[in-house]
């Protein structure tokens, strides 16, 4: 795993998340969905860097609470929403 931040649990880290947001041309009108958000770092990074709306979920309620606290500390509550959900049970249709 290549990371540049302790809270990133996925390859690439913060720099990859920002590059992806730039390629997707995220902006204040954009909405993003993060599945299996873990510690919420990617969701908070996108919301903070691009001022977009990010909905994120994870199966672990402890992690979701951690994400909510992180978003509050970073003043991102208005741009993020974290849910406890199992991605295997979601209907994305």
N, C-alpha and C. Protein backbone atom coordinates (compact mmCIF):
# COMPACT_ATOMS: atom_id res chain seq x y z
N UNK A 1 0.85 -1.18 0.00
CA UNK A 1 0.00 0.00 0.00
C UNK A 1 0.89 1.24 0.00
N UNK A 2 0.63 2.14 -0.93
CA UNK A 2 1.38 3.39 -1.00
C UNK A 2 0.48 4.48 -0.45
N UNK A 3 0.91 5.10 0.63
CA UNK A 3 0.09 6.17 1.20
C UNK A 3 0.97 7.34 1.61
N UNK A 4 0.37 8.49 1.67
CA UNK A 4 1.08 9.66 2.16
C UNK A 4 0.35 10.26 3.37
N UNK A 5 -0.57 9.49 3.92
CA UNK A 5 -1.33 9.94 5.09
C UNK A 5 -1.80 8.71 5.84
N UNK A 6 -1.65 8.74 7.14
CA UNK A 6 -2.04 7.62 7.99
C UNK A 6 -3.49 7.20 7.79
N UNK A 7 -4.39 8.14 7.58
CA UNK A 7 -5.81 7.83 7.50
C UNK A 7 -6.24 7.28 6.14
N UNK A 8 -5.36 7.25 5.17
CA UNK A 8 -5.72 6.65 3.89
C UNK A 8 -5.50 5.16 3.97
N UNK A 9 -6.53 4.42 3.64
CA UNK A 9 -6.46 2.98 3.67
C UNK A 9 -6.45 2.40 2.26
N UNK A 10 -6.26 3.22 1.26
CA UNK A 10 -6.28 2.77 -0.13
C UNK A 10 -4.99 3.22 -0.83
N UNK A 11 -4.60 2.52 -1.88
CA UNK A 11 -3.39 2.92 -2.62
C UNK A 11 -3.52 4.32 -3.19
N UNK A 12 -2.41 5.00 -3.23
CA UNK A 12 -2.40 6.32 -3.85
C UNK A 12 -2.44 7.47 -2.87
N UNK A 13 -3.23 7.34 -1.84
CA UNK A 13 -3.30 8.39 -0.83
C UNK A 13 -3.93 9.68 -1.30
N UNK A 14 -3.65 10.74 -0.56
CA UNK A 14 -4.25 12.05 -0.79
C UNK A 14 -3.96 12.59 -2.19
N UNK A 15 -2.73 12.44 -2.65
CA UNK A 15 -2.37 12.99 -3.96
C UNK A 15 -3.19 12.34 -5.08
N UNK A 16 -3.43 11.05 -4.98
CA UNK A 16 -4.23 10.36 -5.99
C UNK A 16 -5.69 10.81 -5.93
N UNK A 17 -6.21 11.00 -4.72
CA UNK A 17 -7.59 11.46 -4.57
C UNK A 17 -7.77 12.84 -5.21
N UNK A 18 -6.83 13.73 -4.97
CA UNK A 18 -6.92 15.08 -5.55
C UNK A 18 -6.79 15.01 -7.07
N UNK A 19 -5.85 14.19 -7.56
CA UNK A 19 -5.70 14.05 -9.02
C UNK A 19 -6.98 13.51 -9.64
N UNK A 20 -7.61 12.55 -8.98
CA UNK A 20 -8.88 11.99 -9.48
C UNK A 20 -9.97 13.05 -9.52
N UNK A 21 -10.03 13.88 -8.49
CA UNK A 21 -11.01 14.96 -8.46
C UNK A 21 -10.78 15.97 -9.57
N UNK A 22 -9.52 16.26 -9.85
CA UNK A 22 -9.19 17.18 -10.95
C UNK A 22 -9.60 16.58 -12.30
N UNK A 23 -9.30 15.29 -12.48
CA UNK A 23 -9.67 14.63 -13.74
C UNK A 23 -11.19 14.58 -13.91
N UNK A 24 -11.91 14.42 -12.80
CA UNK A 24 -13.38 14.38 -12.86
C UNK A 24 -13.99 15.77 -12.93
N UNK A 25 -13.14 16.79 -12.82
CA UNK A 25 -13.58 18.19 -12.84
C UNK A 25 -14.61 18.49 -11.75
N UNK A 26 -14.34 17.99 -10.56
CA UNK A 26 -15.24 18.25 -9.44
C UNK A 26 -15.26 19.74 -9.12
N UNK A 27 -16.42 20.22 -8.71
CA UNK A 27 -16.58 21.62 -8.32
C UNK A 27 -17.70 21.71 -7.30
N UNK A 28 -18.08 22.91 -6.92
CA UNK A 28 -19.07 23.09 -5.86
C UNK A 28 -20.45 22.53 -6.22
N UNK A 29 -20.72 22.28 -7.48
CA UNK A 29 -22.00 21.69 -7.89
C UNK A 29 -21.93 20.16 -7.98
N UNK A 30 -20.75 19.60 -7.80
CA UNK A 30 -20.57 18.16 -7.95
C UNK A 30 -21.01 17.39 -6.72
N UNK A 31 -21.37 16.13 -6.96
CA UNK A 31 -21.68 15.19 -5.88
C UNK A 31 -20.86 13.94 -6.10
N UNK A 32 -20.33 13.40 -5.01
CA UNK A 32 -19.52 12.19 -5.09
C UNK A 32 -20.04 11.18 -4.08
N UNK A 33 -19.85 9.91 -4.39
CA UNK A 33 -20.23 8.83 -3.49
C UNK A 33 -19.00 7.99 -3.23
N UNK A 34 -18.71 7.77 -1.96
CA UNK A 34 -17.60 6.89 -1.60
C UNK A 34 -18.16 5.65 -0.92
N UNK A 35 -17.84 4.50 -1.48
CA UNK A 35 -18.28 3.22 -0.96
C UNK A 35 -17.15 2.64 -0.12
N UNK A 36 -17.49 2.17 1.08
CA UNK A 36 -16.49 1.63 2.01
C UNK A 36 -15.47 2.71 2.35
N UNK A 37 -15.94 3.77 2.98
CA UNK A 37 -15.13 4.97 3.20
C UNK A 37 -14.05 4.82 4.27
N UNK A 38 -14.09 3.75 5.04
CA UNK A 38 -13.04 3.58 6.04
C UNK A 38 -12.98 4.74 7.01
N UNK A 39 -11.85 5.40 7.07
CA UNK A 39 -11.66 6.53 7.99
C UNK A 39 -12.12 7.86 7.41
N UNK A 40 -12.67 7.87 6.20
CA UNK A 40 -13.27 9.07 5.64
C UNK A 40 -12.31 10.09 5.09
N UNK A 41 -11.06 9.74 4.97
CA UNK A 41 -10.08 10.72 4.52
C UNK A 41 -10.32 11.15 3.07
N UNK A 42 -10.63 10.20 2.20
CA UNK A 42 -10.88 10.56 0.80
C UNK A 42 -12.11 11.47 0.68
N UNK A 43 -13.17 11.13 1.40
CA UNK A 43 -14.39 11.95 1.35
C UNK A 43 -14.11 13.37 1.85
N UNK A 44 -13.38 13.49 2.94
CA UNK A 44 -13.05 14.81 3.48
C UNK A 44 -12.10 15.57 2.56
N UNK A 45 -11.18 14.85 1.93
CA UNK A 45 -10.26 15.51 0.99
C UNK A 45 -11.03 16.08 -0.19
N UNK A 46 -11.92 15.29 -0.78
CA UNK A 46 -12.69 15.79 -1.92
C UNK A 46 -13.56 16.97 -1.53
N UNK A 47 -14.24 16.87 -0.40
CA UNK A 47 -15.11 17.96 0.06
C UNK A 47 -14.29 19.22 0.33
N UNK A 48 -13.15 19.06 0.95
CA UNK A 48 -12.31 20.21 1.29
C UNK A 48 -11.64 20.85 0.10
N UNK A 49 -11.14 20.04 -0.81
CA UNK A 49 -10.41 20.56 -1.97
C UNK A 49 -11.32 21.13 -3.05
N UNK A 50 -12.48 20.53 -3.24
CA UNK A 50 -13.33 20.90 -4.36
C UNK A 50 -14.66 21.53 -3.94
N UNK A 51 -14.88 21.63 -2.63
CA UNK A 51 -16.09 22.25 -2.12
C UNK A 51 -17.34 21.54 -2.64
N UNK A 52 -17.20 20.23 -2.92
CA UNK A 52 -18.32 19.46 -3.45
C UNK A 52 -19.03 18.71 -2.33
N UNK A 53 -20.13 18.11 -2.65
CA UNK A 53 -20.92 17.32 -1.71
C UNK A 53 -20.46 15.87 -1.82
N UNK A 54 -20.14 15.23 -0.69
CA UNK A 54 -19.71 13.84 -0.69
C UNK A 54 -20.56 13.04 0.29
N UNK A 55 -21.22 12.03 -0.23
CA UNK A 55 -21.92 11.05 0.59
C UNK A 55 -21.03 9.82 0.64
N UNK A 56 -20.84 9.27 1.84
CA UNK A 56 -19.94 8.14 1.99
C UNK A 56 -20.54 7.16 2.99
N UNK A 57 -20.22 5.87 2.78
CA UNK A 57 -20.71 4.90 3.75
C UNK A 57 -19.69 3.81 3.99
N UNK A 58 -19.87 3.17 5.13
CA UNK A 58 -19.03 2.05 5.53
C UNK A 58 -19.89 1.11 6.37
N UNK A 59 -19.50 -0.13 6.43
CA UNK A 59 -20.25 -1.13 7.19
C UNK A 59 -20.00 -1.02 8.69
N UNK A 60 -18.89 -0.39 9.08
CA UNK A 60 -18.48 -0.32 10.48
C UNK A 60 -18.96 0.97 11.14
N UNK A 61 -19.88 0.88 12.10
CA UNK A 61 -20.41 2.09 12.74
C UNK A 61 -19.34 2.89 13.49
N UNK A 62 -18.33 2.22 14.00
CA UNK A 62 -17.24 2.93 14.70
C UNK A 62 -16.49 3.82 13.71
N UNK A 63 -16.22 3.29 12.54
CA UNK A 63 -15.52 4.08 11.52
C UNK A 63 -16.37 5.25 11.04
N UNK A 64 -17.66 5.02 10.90
CA UNK A 64 -18.55 6.09 10.45
C UNK A 64 -18.57 7.22 11.47
N UNK A 65 -18.60 6.89 12.72
CA UNK A 65 -18.55 7.93 13.77
C UNK A 65 -17.22 8.68 13.72
N UNK A 66 -16.13 7.96 13.50
CA UNK A 66 -14.81 8.58 13.34
C UNK A 66 -14.84 9.57 12.18
N UNK A 67 -15.45 9.17 11.06
CA UNK A 67 -15.56 10.04 9.89
C UNK A 67 -16.35 11.31 10.21
N UNK A 68 -17.44 11.15 10.90
CA UNK A 68 -18.27 12.30 11.25
C UNK A 68 -17.51 13.28 12.14
N UNK A 69 -16.76 12.75 13.10
CA UNK A 69 -15.96 13.61 13.97
C UNK A 69 -14.87 14.32 13.18
N UNK A 70 -14.25 13.63 12.24
CA UNK A 70 -13.21 14.23 11.41
C UNK A 70 -13.80 15.37 10.58
N UNK A 71 -14.95 15.13 9.97
CA UNK A 71 -15.60 16.16 9.15
C UNK A 71 -15.95 17.38 10.00
N UNK A 72 -16.39 17.14 11.22
CA UNK A 72 -16.71 18.26 12.11
C UNK A 72 -15.46 19.06 12.45
N UNK A 73 -14.39 18.39 12.78
CA UNK A 73 -13.13 19.08 13.11
C UNK A 73 -12.61 19.91 11.95
N UNK A 74 -12.88 19.45 10.74
CA UNK A 74 -12.40 20.15 9.54
C UNK A 74 -13.44 21.11 8.95
N UNK A 75 -14.53 21.32 9.66
CA UNK A 75 -15.61 22.21 9.21
C UNK A 75 -16.16 21.77 7.85
N UNK A 76 -16.35 20.48 7.69
CA UNK A 76 -16.85 19.93 6.43
C UNK A 76 -18.22 19.27 6.58
N UNK A 77 -18.88 19.51 7.69
CA UNK A 77 -20.17 18.85 7.94
C UNK A 77 -21.20 19.20 6.88
N UNK A 78 -21.17 20.42 6.38
CA UNK A 78 -22.15 20.83 5.36
C UNK A 78 -21.88 20.19 4.00
N UNK A 79 -20.69 19.64 3.82
CA UNK A 79 -20.32 19.06 2.54
C UNK A 79 -20.21 17.54 2.56
N UNK A 80 -20.34 16.94 3.73
CA UNK A 80 -20.20 15.48 3.84
C UNK A 80 -21.38 14.88 4.60
N UNK A 81 -21.65 13.64 4.26
CA UNK A 81 -22.68 12.88 4.96
C UNK A 81 -22.20 11.44 5.02
N UNK A 82 -22.06 10.91 6.21
CA UNK A 82 -21.55 9.55 6.40
C UNK A 82 -22.66 8.65 6.92
N UNK A 83 -22.76 7.46 6.33
CA UNK A 83 -23.81 6.50 6.67
C UNK A 83 -23.20 5.15 7.04
N UNK A 84 -23.93 4.41 7.86
CA UNK A 84 -23.60 3.00 8.10
C UNK A 84 -24.42 2.19 7.11
N UNK A 85 -23.75 1.55 6.18
CA UNK A 85 -24.43 0.74 5.17
C UNK A 85 -23.50 -0.37 4.72
N UNK A 86 -24.08 -1.44 4.24
CA UNK A 86 -23.35 -2.54 3.65
C UNK A 86 -23.49 -2.42 2.13
N UNK A 87 -22.41 -2.19 1.44
CA UNK A 87 -22.44 -2.00 0.00
C UNK A 87 -23.01 -3.16 -0.77
N UNK A 88 -22.97 -4.34 -0.18
CA UNK A 88 -23.53 -5.51 -0.87
C UNK A 88 -25.04 -5.46 -0.91
N UNK A 89 -25.65 -4.65 -0.05
CA UNK A 89 -27.11 -4.57 0.03
C UNK A 89 -27.68 -3.30 -0.62
N UNK A 90 -26.83 -2.53 -1.28
CA UNK A 90 -27.28 -1.28 -1.85
C UNK A 90 -27.79 -1.48 -3.28
N UNK A 91 -28.83 -0.76 -3.63
CA UNK A 91 -29.35 -0.77 -5.00
C UNK A 91 -28.87 0.50 -5.67
N UNK A 92 -27.93 0.37 -6.57
CA UNK A 92 -27.39 1.53 -7.26
C UNK A 92 -28.08 1.80 -8.59
N UNK A 93 -29.16 1.07 -8.85
CA UNK A 93 -29.88 1.19 -10.11
C UNK A 93 -30.48 2.54 -10.28
